[in-house]
Protein backbone atom coordinates (compact mmCIF):
# COMPACT_ATOMS: atom_id res chain seq x y z
CA MET A 1 -0.02 0.08 -0.05
CA THR A 2 1.43 3.38 -1.04
CA LYS A 3 1.57 6.21 1.48
CA PHE A 4 -1.42 8.05 -0.07
CA GLU A 5 -3.51 4.90 -0.23
CA SER A 6 -3.15 4.53 3.55
CA ASP A 7 -4.14 8.19 4.12
CA PRO A 8 -7.63 8.56 5.65
CA ALA A 9 -8.46 11.21 2.99
CA PHE A 10 -8.00 8.63 0.19
CA ARG A 11 -10.26 6.11 2.09
CA ARG A 12 -12.81 8.85 2.42
CA GLY A 13 -12.58 9.78 -1.21
CA GLU A 14 -11.11 13.17 -0.56
CA ALA A 15 -8.11 14.05 -2.71
CA ALA A 16 -6.21 17.13 -3.79
CA ILE A 17 -5.14 16.78 -7.42
CA ASP A 18 -1.63 17.94 -8.36
CA ILE A 19 -2.06 17.59 -12.09
CA ASP A 20 1.51 19.00 -12.77
CA ALA A 21 3.02 16.22 -10.67
CA LEU A 22 0.90 13.54 -12.39
CA ARG A 23 1.79 14.90 -15.92
CA ARG A 24 5.50 14.24 -15.15
CA TRP A 25 4.42 10.58 -16.00
CA ILE A 26 3.73 11.41 -19.53
CA GLY A 27 6.30 9.69 -21.69
CA ARG A 28 7.03 6.90 -19.26
CA GLU A 29 7.28 3.54 -20.97
CA GLU A 30 7.38 -0.18 -20.24
CA THR A 31 7.79 -3.30 -22.37
CA ARG A 32 6.45 -6.87 -21.78
CA THR A 33 6.90 -9.99 -23.83
CA ASP A 34 4.84 -13.07 -23.90
CA ILE A 35 3.98 -16.11 -25.71
CA VAL A 36 0.46 -16.56 -27.27
CA THR A 37 -0.64 -19.77 -25.51
CA ALA A 38 -3.76 -21.87 -26.47
CA ALA A 39 -5.03 -22.43 -22.98
CA PRO A 40 -6.42 -18.87 -22.12
CA ILE A 41 -7.97 -18.74 -25.60
CA ALA A 42 -9.82 -21.89 -25.12
CA ALA A 43 -10.99 -20.71 -21.72
CA LEU A 44 -12.13 -17.38 -22.95
CA ALA A 45 -14.13 -19.03 -25.82
CA ALA A 46 -15.83 -21.22 -23.08
CA THR A 47 -16.47 -18.18 -20.88
CA LEU A 48 -18.26 -16.47 -23.86
CA ASP A 49 -20.21 -19.71 -24.44
CA ARG A 50 -18.71 -20.24 -27.82
CA ASP A 51 -18.33 -23.62 -29.39
CA ASP A 52 -15.00 -23.11 -31.04
CA PRO A 53 -12.54 -25.95 -31.86
CA PRO A 54 -9.54 -26.17 -29.76
CA PRO A 55 -6.97 -23.59 -30.72
CA GLN A 56 -4.12 -24.83 -32.79
CA ALA A 57 -0.46 -23.43 -33.43
CA GLY A 58 -0.74 -20.65 -36.00
CA ASP A 59 -4.60 -19.94 -35.54
CA ALA A 60 -5.39 -16.24 -35.53
CA VAL A 61 -6.40 -14.81 -32.14
CA PRO A 62 -9.81 -13.15 -32.04
CA PRO A 63 -9.98 -9.36 -31.84
CA LEU A 64 -9.62 -7.82 -28.28
CA TRP A 65 -8.40 -11.36 -27.01
CA HIS A 66 -4.89 -9.91 -26.65
CA TRP A 67 -5.99 -8.78 -23.37
CA LEU A 68 -5.44 -12.24 -22.13
CA PHE A 69 -1.63 -11.64 -22.42
CA PHE A 70 0.91 -9.31 -21.14
CA LEU A 71 -0.59 -9.59 -17.70
CA HIS A 72 0.92 -7.68 -14.68
CA ALA A 73 1.71 -10.32 -12.12
CA ALA A 74 2.20 -8.07 -9.09
CA ARG A 75 3.11 -9.66 -5.82
CA ALA A 76 0.71 -10.04 -3.08
CA SER A 77 2.53 -7.45 -0.98
CA GLU A 78 2.25 -4.89 -3.92
CA ILE A 79 -1.58 -5.07 -4.03
CA GLY A 80 -3.57 -1.91 -2.95
CA LEU A 81 -6.91 -1.56 -1.19
CA ASP A 82 -8.83 -1.99 -4.37
CA GLY A 83 -7.28 -5.14 -5.44
CA HIS A 84 -5.10 -3.41 -8.15
CA PRO A 85 -1.38 -3.16 -7.89
CA THR A 86 -0.48 -0.10 -5.88
CA ARG A 87 -0.07 3.15 -7.62
CA GLY A 88 3.07 5.17 -8.64
CA GLY A 89 4.96 2.55 -10.71
CA PHE A 90 4.10 2.65 -14.50
CA LEU A 91 0.84 4.48 -14.00
CA PRO A 92 0.76 7.78 -12.22
CA PRO A 93 -0.31 7.91 -8.40
CA VAL A 94 -3.74 9.31 -8.93
CA PRO A 95 -5.14 10.15 -5.54
CA LEU A 96 -8.58 9.09 -6.20
CA PRO A 97 -10.07 5.91 -5.08
CA ARG A 98 -12.30 4.66 -8.11
CA ARG A 99 -10.44 3.44 -11.19
CA MET A 100 -12.28 2.52 -14.25
CA TRP A 101 -11.53 1.49 -18.01
CA ALA A 102 -13.30 4.32 -19.83
CA GLY A 103 -12.65 3.29 -23.38
CA GLY A 104 -10.21 2.83 -26.22
CA ARG A 105 -9.37 2.93 -29.81
CA LEU A 106 -7.66 0.07 -31.58
CA VAL A 107 -6.12 -0.56 -35.10
CA PHE A 108 -5.57 -4.08 -36.28
CA GLU A 109 -2.75 -4.72 -38.69
CA ARG A 110 -2.19 -8.44 -38.38
CA PRO A 111 -3.56 -11.05 -36.04
CA LEU A 112 -1.70 -12.36 -33.08
CA ARG A 113 -1.23 -16.13 -33.71
CA VAL A 114 -1.10 -19.07 -31.29
CA GLY A 115 2.30 -20.04 -30.52
CA GLY A 116 3.89 -16.66 -31.45
CA ALA A 117 6.25 -14.54 -29.39
CA VAL A 118 4.97 -11.02 -29.00
CA THR A 119 6.07 -7.78 -27.52
CA ARG A 120 4.06 -4.98 -26.13
CA THR A 121 5.40 -1.41 -25.56
CA SER A 122 3.30 0.70 -23.62
CA ARG A 123 3.74 4.62 -22.99
CA ILE A 124 1.76 7.21 -20.88
CA ALA A 125 0.56 9.44 -23.71
CA ASP A 126 -1.43 12.01 -21.70
CA VAL A 127 -2.74 12.83 -18.07
CA SER A 128 -5.52 15.43 -17.78
CA VAL A 129 -8.13 16.52 -15.29
CA LYS A 130 -11.75 17.47 -15.58
CA HIS A 131 -14.11 18.81 -12.99
CA GLY A 132 -17.75 17.76 -12.93
CA LYS A 133 -20.69 17.73 -10.61
CA GLY A 134 -19.38 14.65 -8.81
CA GLY A 135 -15.86 16.16 -8.31
CA PRO A 136 -12.49 15.87 -10.20
CA LEU A 137 -12.00 13.25 -12.93
CA VAL A 138 -8.44 12.32 -13.92
CA PHE A 139 -7.91 10.74 -17.32
CA VAL A 140 -4.79 8.69 -18.18
CA GLN A 141 -4.28 7.61 -21.77
CA VAL A 142 -1.91 4.66 -22.39
CA ALA A 143 -0.59 4.02 -25.93
CA HIS A 144 0.23 0.38 -26.72
CA THR A 145 1.75 -1.20 -29.65
CA ILE A 146 2.11 -5.10 -30.07
CA THR A 147 4.63 -6.56 -32.47
CA ASN A 148 5.77 -10.11 -33.39
CA SER A 149 9.15 -11.74 -33.25
CA ASP A 150 10.02 -10.30 -36.67
CA GLY A 151 9.24 -6.70 -35.46
CA LEU A 152 6.06 -6.44 -37.45
CA LEU A 153 3.29 -4.28 -36.04
CA LEU A 154 0.20 -6.41 -35.08
CA LEU A 155 -1.88 -3.73 -33.44
CA SER A 156 -1.86 -0.34 -31.89
CA GLU A 157 -4.10 0.68 -29.03
CA GLU A 158 -5.03 3.81 -26.93
CA HIS A 159 -6.46 2.98 -23.57
CA ASP A 160 -8.36 5.42 -21.48
CA ILE A 161 -8.36 5.12 -17.73
CA VAL A 162 -10.54 7.26 -15.63
CA TYR A 163 -10.30 7.96 -11.82
CA ARG A 164 -12.87 9.63 -9.68
CA ASP A 165 -13.93 10.35 -6.18
CA LYS A 166 -16.42 8.15 -4.12
CA PRO A 167 -20.00 9.66 -3.93
CA SER A 168 -20.83 11.41 -0.73
CA PRO A 169 -22.53 9.11 1.76
CA GLU A 170 -25.74 11.13 1.74
CA LEU A 171 -25.79 10.73 -2.10
CA THR A 172 -25.63 6.86 -2.02
CA THR A 173 -28.17 4.27 -0.76
CA PRO A 174 -27.41 0.58 -0.37
CA THR A 175 -30.15 -0.33 -3.00
CA GLN A 176 -29.13 1.94 -5.87
CA THR A 177 -27.59 0.36 -8.85
CA THR A 178 -25.67 3.36 -10.09
CA PRO A 179 -24.12 6.22 -8.18
CA THR A 180 -26.11 9.42 -7.90
CA GLN A 181 -23.07 11.23 -9.21
CA ALA A 182 -22.98 9.08 -12.45
CA THR A 183 -23.16 10.71 -15.82
CA SER A 184 -26.64 11.42 -16.96
CA THR A 185 -28.26 8.64 -19.00
CA LYS A 186 -28.33 8.31 -22.72
CA ARG A 187 -30.92 6.13 -24.43
CA ALA A 188 -29.73 3.22 -26.59
CA PRO A 189 -30.69 3.22 -30.31
CA ALA A 190 -34.06 1.79 -31.20
CA GLU A 191 -32.95 0.20 -34.59
CA TYR A 192 -30.68 -2.82 -34.44
CA ALA A 193 -29.99 -5.87 -36.63
CA TRP A 194 -28.36 -8.07 -34.15
CA SER A 195 -29.18 -8.68 -30.37
CA ARG A 196 -27.81 -11.00 -27.79
CA GLU A 197 -28.82 -11.19 -24.00
CA ILE A 198 -25.91 -11.52 -21.48
CA VAL A 199 -26.43 -12.62 -17.95
CA PRO A 200 -23.52 -11.10 -15.92
CA ASP A 201 -23.67 -13.52 -12.99
CA PRO A 202 -20.71 -13.67 -10.50
CA VAL A 203 -19.31 -16.89 -12.29
CA LEU A 204 -19.03 -14.91 -15.65
CA LEU A 205 -17.28 -11.98 -13.84
CA PHE A 206 -15.04 -14.24 -11.83
CA ARG A 207 -13.93 -16.23 -14.82
CA TYR A 208 -13.10 -13.09 -16.77
CA SER A 209 -11.26 -11.59 -13.80
CA ALA A 210 -9.24 -14.81 -13.48
CA LEU A 211 -8.47 -14.99 -17.21
CA THR A 212 -7.08 -11.38 -17.15
CA PHE A 213 -5.53 -11.54 -13.80
CA ASN A 214 -7.55 -8.70 -12.69
CA GLY A 215 -7.71 -8.39 -8.87
CA HIS A 216 -9.97 -5.29 -8.82
CA ARG A 217 -12.46 -6.10 -6.14
CA ILE A 218 -15.35 -4.20 -7.82
CA HIS A 219 -15.91 -7.30 -9.96
CA TYR A 220 -16.07 -10.10 -7.27
CA ASP A 221 -16.25 -8.53 -3.70
CA VAL A 222 -19.80 -7.46 -3.04
CA LYS A 223 -19.08 -5.99 0.33
CA TYR A 224 -16.24 -3.95 -0.95
CA VAL A 225 -18.05 -2.88 -4.13
CA THR A 226 -21.18 -1.59 -2.07
CA ASP A 227 -19.67 -0.56 1.30
CA VAL A 228 -16.40 1.11 0.09
CA GLU A 229 -16.96 2.31 -3.47
CA GLY A 230 -20.68 2.96 -3.17
CA TYR A 231 -22.10 0.88 -5.96
CA GLY A 232 -25.19 -1.33 -5.86
CA GLY A 233 -23.68 -4.52 -7.14
CA LEU A 234 -20.61 -6.21 -8.90
CA ILE A 235 -19.47 -4.24 -11.92
CA VAL A 236 -19.15 -5.81 -15.43
CA HIS A 237 -15.64 -5.24 -16.67
CA GLY A 238 -15.40 -2.69 -19.28
CA PRO A 239 -13.03 -4.70 -21.46
CA LEU A 240 -15.42 -7.73 -21.05
CA ILE A 241 -18.30 -5.60 -22.46
CA ALA A 242 -16.12 -4.50 -25.37
CA THR A 243 -15.13 -8.17 -26.00
CA LEU A 244 -18.71 -9.13 -26.10
CA LEU A 245 -19.55 -6.40 -28.59
CA ALA A 246 -16.71 -7.62 -30.86
CA ASP A 247 -17.81 -11.16 -30.28
CA LEU A 248 -21.39 -10.17 -31.51
CA LEU A 249 -19.93 -9.02 -34.82
CA ARG A 250 -17.98 -12.10 -35.12
CA ARG A 251 -21.11 -14.22 -34.49
CA ASN A 252 -23.02 -12.51 -37.31
CA LEU A 253 -20.21 -11.70 -39.70
CA ALA A 254 -17.81 -14.64 -39.26
CA ASN A 255 -15.70 -14.02 -42.22
CA ALA A 256 -15.29 -10.22 -41.62
CA ARG A 257 -11.83 -8.78 -40.86
CA LEU A 258 -12.00 -6.22 -38.04
CA THR A 259 -9.50 -3.38 -38.98
CA LYS A 260 -10.53 -0.81 -36.47
CA PHE A 261 -12.56 -0.79 -33.08
CA GLU A 262 -13.40 2.16 -30.90
CA PHE A 263 -15.44 1.94 -27.76
CA ARG A 264 -16.59 4.18 -24.87
CA ALA A 265 -18.06 3.30 -21.54
CA ILE A 266 -20.99 5.55 -20.63
CA LYS A 267 -22.84 3.84 -17.66
CA PRO A 268 -21.87 0.97 -15.51
CA LEU A 269 -23.43 -2.47 -15.85
CA PHE A 270 -23.94 -4.65 -12.76
CA ASP A 271 -24.62 -8.25 -11.90
CA THR A 272 -28.05 -7.41 -10.75
CA ALA A 273 -29.81 -7.91 -14.13
CA PRO A 274 -29.21 -9.08 -17.61
CA PHE A 275 -28.26 -6.62 -20.39
CA LEU A 276 -28.28 -6.58 -24.09
CA VAL A 277 -25.43 -6.25 -26.64
CA ARG A 278 -26.65 -5.19 -30.04
CA GLY A 279 -25.36 -4.07 -33.42
CA LEU A 280 -26.31 -2.53 -36.68
CA PRO A 281 -24.10 -2.68 -39.76
CA HIS A 282 -23.79 0.16 -42.27
CA GLY A 283 -21.72 -1.03 -45.08
CA GLN A 284 -18.03 -1.36 -43.79
CA ARG A 285 -18.91 0.31 -40.50
CA VAL A 286 -20.76 -1.44 -37.61
CA ALA A 287 -22.34 0.27 -34.78
CA LEU A 288 -22.34 -1.72 -31.59
CA TRP A 289 -23.57 -0.94 -28.11
CA ALA A 290 -24.66 -2.45 -24.76
CA GLN A 291 -27.80 -1.39 -22.96
CA ASP A 292 -29.23 -2.20 -19.60
CA ARG A 293 -32.73 -3.51 -18.81
CA ASP A 294 -34.11 0.14 -18.79
CA GLY A 295 -32.82 0.68 -22.34
CA ASP A 296 -30.02 3.13 -21.27
CA LEU A 297 -26.83 3.09 -23.34
CA CYS A 298 -24.07 1.75 -21.31
CA MET A 299 -21.18 1.28 -23.87
CA GLU A 300 -21.15 2.36 -27.52
CA ALA A 301 -18.55 1.14 -30.12
CA THR A 302 -17.85 1.55 -33.77
CA ALA A 303 -16.10 -1.31 -35.81
CA GLU A 304 -14.68 -0.93 -39.28
CA ILE A 305 -14.40 -4.21 -41.21
CA GLY A 306 -12.54 -5.29 -44.40
């Protein structure tokens, strides 16, 4: 636990943002190498309820499944209060208790292939702060590139992380499913061509957390997510929702090659009710989104196919 994570002000969700200090992290880089093994690919296929054949050496890895690799295996003593690695290493030490995957933009040049050696280079591209009704929001943008053993670019990715304060106790009730300070709702599109219902039970969330070595307690620890972070249930992972959207495209356009994918989280989804992933193709572009049982838009995405 870092010094500021043990500070009572951090635990209460009160934080002063020194954006100049945080922006000193811009330009920081790290490199990870990995082997694209078959086991996690088969496990994710099962988790998504796919009837895929066992992956073989040389098979292309489906889009967004690269998140199964380059995992940060932090030691137990390096884990913070929220289950994430303590802050202040590669990522800047943002003194706000809530941390979420806000969105991303990906360009696919070549597929990762089972059995291949791959390298990911990551760089802190930007750190910025915004002030809303719920307090400060700090955005950290991380740029990734993945190459193969020949040095060929496989994909590039911009990953957006948002940090925010906890809601005030008087603004949160034990039964609410979204924080009162959440972004105002936006309705999902009425027209769609594809639709699939997802039941985000704790088993699905646990399996995805395990596959991505994600210790963030908001996805499996009900007492923590309700009592500490003020949410009304376990939160569905942002990258899992994005993966389900890309999987919806793959289920309906099995031979299409995804060249670009952009997604943005709008409203949290919880394990308290099923949700829908939907899509509508427009030529070489496909609109994809996730919506909750009330018809509110929770994630929107755009895919370009070749």
